[in-house]
Amino acid sequence: MFQQSNHNQQIHELVLMTKSPKMLAAGDVVQLLGVTYQYIDKLVKEGRLPFQQTSSGRIFREEDVLAFKREREKKSKTDPRIKTKR
């Protein structure tokens, strides 16, 4: 079951790469990652999550957020301090 889900996620990401990038607002990133706005600010300040500044705030490319999420999920398997939204 996990392999099928991972396969579907990879297909989804390939489709994203062929289209123009989908942009997410900070609130979308908070929901997708299951974290707080403060944590998003921390990631931005540390340079761990790329963003673009607009007149109405920060926006994030969906593919960057998904890549961060995958890496975070991989690390959560070996680091019990990392909690992920499943």
N, C-alpha and C. Protein backbone atom coordinates (compact mmCIF):
# COMPACT_ATOMS: atom_id res chain seq x y z
N MET A 1 0.83 -1.20 0.00
CA MET A 1 0.00 0.00 0.00
C MET A 1 0.87 1.26 0.00
N PHE A 2 1.93 1.25 0.84
CA PHE A 2 2.80 2.42 0.91
C PHE A 2 3.49 2.66 -0.43
N GLN A 3 3.93 1.58 -1.09
CA GLN A 3 4.62 1.73 -2.36
C GLN A 3 3.70 2.36 -3.41
N GLN A 4 2.44 1.95 -3.43
CA GLN A 4 1.48 2.53 -4.38
C GLN A 4 1.30 4.02 -4.11
N SER A 5 1.17 4.39 -2.83
CA SER A 5 1.00 5.78 -2.46
C SER A 5 2.23 6.59 -2.87
N ASN A 6 3.42 6.04 -2.62
CA ASN A 6 4.66 6.71 -3.00
C ASN A 6 4.74 6.85 -4.51
N HIS A 7 4.34 5.82 -5.24
CA HIS A 7 4.33 5.86 -6.71
C HIS A 7 3.39 6.95 -7.21
N ASN A 8 2.21 7.03 -6.62
CA ASN A 8 1.25 8.07 -7.02
C ASN A 8 1.81 9.46 -6.75
N GLN A 9 2.51 9.62 -5.63
CA GLN A 9 3.09 10.91 -5.30
C GLN A 9 4.17 11.27 -6.32
N GLN A 10 4.97 10.30 -6.74
CA GLN A 10 6.01 10.56 -7.73
C GLN A 10 5.38 10.97 -9.07
N ILE A 11 4.30 10.31 -9.47
CA ILE A 11 3.61 10.67 -10.71
C ILE A 11 3.06 12.08 -10.61
N HIS A 12 2.45 12.39 -9.46
CA HIS A 12 1.91 13.73 -9.24
C HIS A 12 3.01 14.78 -9.38
N GLU A 13 4.18 14.50 -8.82
CA GLU A 13 5.27 15.46 -8.89
C GLU A 13 5.81 15.60 -10.31
N LEU A 14 5.82 14.53 -11.09
CA LEU A 14 6.24 14.62 -12.49
C LEU A 14 5.28 15.48 -13.29
N VAL A 15 3.99 15.33 -13.02
CA VAL A 15 2.99 16.15 -13.71
C VAL A 15 3.20 17.61 -13.34
N LEU A 16 3.50 17.89 -12.08
CA LEU A 16 3.74 19.26 -11.66
C LEU A 16 4.91 19.88 -12.41
N MET A 17 5.94 19.10 -12.66
CA MET A 17 7.13 19.63 -13.32
C MET A 17 6.86 20.01 -14.77
N THR A 18 5.87 19.39 -15.40
CA THR A 18 5.59 19.68 -16.80
C THR A 18 4.69 20.90 -16.96
N LYS A 19 4.06 21.32 -15.92
CA LYS A 19 3.19 22.50 -15.94
C LYS A 19 3.92 23.68 -15.31
N SER A 20 3.33 24.85 -15.42
CA SER A 20 3.90 25.98 -14.70
C SER A 20 3.73 25.70 -13.20
N PRO A 21 4.66 26.16 -12.41
CA PRO A 21 4.63 25.80 -10.99
C PRO A 21 3.40 26.36 -10.27
N LYS A 22 2.82 25.52 -9.44
CA LYS A 22 1.70 25.96 -8.60
C LYS A 22 2.28 26.66 -7.38
N MET A 23 1.72 27.79 -7.08
CA MET A 23 2.21 28.57 -5.94
C MET A 23 1.26 28.43 -4.77
N LEU A 24 1.84 28.38 -3.58
CA LEU A 24 1.06 28.22 -2.35
C LEU A 24 1.29 29.41 -1.43
N ALA A 25 0.23 29.81 -0.76
CA ALA A 25 0.34 30.83 0.28
C ALA A 25 0.86 30.16 1.56
N ALA A 26 1.32 30.96 2.49
CA ALA A 26 1.87 30.43 3.74
C ALA A 26 0.84 29.55 4.46
N GLY A 27 -0.41 29.94 4.43
CA GLY A 27 -1.45 29.14 5.08
C GLY A 27 -1.59 27.76 4.46
N ASP A 28 -1.42 27.68 3.15
CA ASP A 28 -1.46 26.38 2.47
C ASP A 28 -0.30 25.51 2.91
N VAL A 29 0.88 26.12 3.06
CA VAL A 29 2.07 25.39 3.48
C VAL A 29 1.89 24.89 4.91
N VAL A 30 1.34 25.72 5.76
CA VAL A 30 1.07 25.32 7.15
C VAL A 30 0.19 24.07 7.17
N GLN A 31 -0.87 24.07 6.38
CA GLN A 31 -1.78 22.92 6.35
C GLN A 31 -1.13 21.70 5.73
N LEU A 32 -0.41 21.88 4.64
CA LEU A 32 0.22 20.76 3.95
C LEU A 32 1.26 20.06 4.83
N LEU A 33 2.04 20.85 5.56
CA LEU A 33 3.08 20.28 6.40
C LEU A 33 2.61 19.95 7.83
N GLY A 34 1.49 20.53 8.23
CA GLY A 34 1.00 20.30 9.58
C GLY A 34 1.86 20.98 10.63
N VAL A 35 2.31 22.20 10.31
CA VAL A 35 3.18 22.96 11.22
C VAL A 35 2.56 24.33 11.48
N THR A 36 3.26 25.15 12.25
CA THR A 36 2.76 26.49 12.57
C THR A 36 3.37 27.53 11.63
N TYR A 37 2.78 28.72 11.62
CA TYR A 37 3.34 29.84 10.86
C TYR A 37 4.75 30.17 11.37
N GLN A 38 4.94 30.06 12.68
CA GLN A 38 6.25 30.36 13.26
C GLN A 38 7.32 29.41 12.72
N TYR A 39 6.95 28.14 12.54
CA TYR A 39 7.91 27.18 12.01
C TYR A 39 8.24 27.49 10.55
N ILE A 40 7.23 27.91 9.79
CA ILE A 40 7.47 28.32 8.40
C ILE A 40 8.44 29.50 8.37
N ASP A 41 8.23 30.49 9.25
CA ASP A 41 9.14 31.63 9.34
C ASP A 41 10.57 31.18 9.64
N LYS A 42 10.70 30.23 10.54
CA LYS A 42 12.01 29.71 10.91
C LYS A 42 12.69 29.04 9.70
N LEU A 43 11.93 28.22 8.97
CA LEU A 43 12.47 27.55 7.79
C LEU A 43 12.93 28.56 6.74
N VAL A 44 12.16 29.61 6.57
CA VAL A 44 12.49 30.66 5.60
C VAL A 44 13.77 31.37 6.03
N LYS A 45 13.84 31.76 7.30
CA LYS A 45 15.02 32.48 7.81
C LYS A 45 16.28 31.63 7.72
N GLU A 46 16.14 30.32 7.90
CA GLU A 46 17.28 29.41 7.82
C GLU A 46 17.62 29.04 6.38
N GLY A 47 16.80 29.47 5.42
CA GLY A 47 17.05 29.15 4.02
C GLY A 47 16.69 27.73 3.65
N ARG A 48 15.89 27.07 4.47
CA ARG A 48 15.55 25.66 4.22
C ARG A 48 14.30 25.51 3.37
N LEU A 49 13.55 26.59 3.19
CA LEU A 49 12.33 26.54 2.39
C LEU A 49 12.30 27.77 1.47
N PRO A 50 12.54 27.57 0.17
CA PRO A 50 12.56 28.70 -0.76
C PRO A 50 11.19 29.37 -0.87
N PHE A 51 11.21 30.66 -1.14
CA PHE A 51 9.97 31.41 -1.28
C PHE A 51 10.19 32.60 -2.20
N GLN A 52 9.09 33.21 -2.58
CA GLN A 52 9.14 34.48 -3.31
C GLN A 52 8.33 35.48 -2.50
N GLN A 53 8.86 36.68 -2.39
CA GLN A 53 8.16 37.74 -1.67
C GLN A 53 7.27 38.49 -2.64
N THR A 54 6.02 38.66 -2.28
CA THR A 54 5.09 39.47 -3.08
C THR A 54 4.60 40.62 -2.22
N SER A 55 3.84 41.50 -2.81
CA SER A 55 3.32 42.64 -2.05
C SER A 55 2.34 42.19 -0.97
N SER A 56 1.76 41.00 -1.13
CA SER A 56 0.80 40.52 -0.14
C SER A 56 1.38 39.44 0.78
N GLY A 57 2.67 39.16 0.66
CA GLY A 57 3.30 38.18 1.55
C GLY A 57 4.17 37.19 0.79
N ARG A 58 4.52 36.13 1.45
CA ARG A 58 5.36 35.11 0.84
C ARG A 58 4.53 34.08 0.10
N ILE A 59 5.07 33.60 -1.02
CA ILE A 59 4.46 32.48 -1.72
C ILE A 59 5.54 31.42 -1.94
N PHE A 60 5.11 30.18 -2.02
CA PHE A 60 6.01 29.05 -2.10
C PHE A 60 5.63 28.17 -3.28
N ARG A 61 6.61 27.64 -4.00
CA ARG A 61 6.32 26.70 -5.08
C ARG A 61 5.92 25.37 -4.46
N GLU A 62 4.83 24.80 -4.94
CA GLU A 62 4.34 23.55 -4.40
C GLU A 62 5.41 22.46 -4.46
N GLU A 63 6.17 22.41 -5.55
CA GLU A 63 7.18 21.36 -5.67
C GLU A 63 8.28 21.50 -4.63
N ASP A 64 8.61 22.74 -4.22
CA ASP A 64 9.60 22.94 -3.15
C ASP A 64 9.05 22.46 -1.81
N VAL A 65 7.79 22.75 -1.56
CA VAL A 65 7.16 22.34 -0.31
C VAL A 65 7.06 20.82 -0.24
N LEU A 66 6.68 20.19 -1.36
CA LEU A 66 6.58 18.72 -1.38
C LEU A 66 7.95 18.07 -1.21
N ALA A 67 8.97 18.66 -1.79
CA ALA A 67 10.33 18.12 -1.62
C ALA A 67 10.75 18.23 -0.16
N PHE A 68 10.45 19.37 0.47
CA PHE A 68 10.77 19.53 1.89
C PHE A 68 10.01 18.50 2.72
N LYS A 69 8.75 18.30 2.39
CA LYS A 69 7.92 17.34 3.12
C LYS A 69 8.48 15.92 3.01
N ARG A 70 8.88 15.52 1.80
CA ARG A 70 9.46 14.19 1.61
C ARG A 70 10.72 14.00 2.45
N GLU A 71 11.58 15.01 2.42
CA GLU A 71 12.83 14.94 3.18
C GLU A 71 12.54 14.86 4.69
N ARG A 72 11.57 15.63 5.11
CA ARG A 72 11.19 15.65 6.53
C ARG A 72 10.62 14.29 6.95
N GLU A 73 9.80 13.69 6.08
CA GLU A 73 9.24 12.37 6.39
C GLU A 73 10.32 11.31 6.45
N LYS A 74 11.32 11.44 5.56
CA LYS A 74 12.42 10.48 5.57
C LYS A 74 13.22 10.60 6.87
N LYS A 75 13.48 11.83 7.30
CA LYS A 75 14.23 12.05 8.54
C LYS A 75 13.44 11.62 9.77
N SER A 76 12.10 11.72 9.69
CA SER A 76 11.28 11.38 10.86
C SER A 76 11.36 9.89 11.20
N LYS A 77 11.77 9.08 10.24
CA LYS A 77 11.90 7.64 10.50
C LYS A 77 13.06 7.33 11.43
N THR A 78 14.06 8.21 11.47
CA THR A 78 15.22 7.97 12.33
C THR A 78 15.32 8.97 13.47
N ASP A 79 14.56 10.04 13.43
CA ASP A 79 14.62 11.06 14.48
C ASP A 79 13.24 11.23 15.12
N PRO A 80 13.07 10.69 16.34
CA PRO A 80 11.75 10.73 16.99
C PRO A 80 11.28 12.15 17.33
N ARG A 81 12.17 13.14 17.26
CA ARG A 81 11.75 14.51 17.56
C ARG A 81 10.93 15.11 16.43
N ILE A 82 11.04 14.55 15.24
CA ILE A 82 10.33 15.09 14.07
C ILE A 82 8.96 14.44 13.97
N LYS A 83 7.95 15.26 14.04
CA LYS A 83 6.57 14.79 13.91
C LYS A 83 6.08 15.18 12.52
N THR A 84 5.43 14.24 11.84
CA THR A 84 4.92 14.54 10.51
C THR A 84 3.42 14.29 10.46
N LYS A 85 2.77 15.02 9.58
CA LYS A 85 1.35 14.86 9.35
C LYS A 85 1.18 13.73 8.36
N ARG A 86 0.47 12.71 8.69
CA ARG A 86 0.31 11.54 7.81
C ARG A 86 -1.06 11.49 7.21
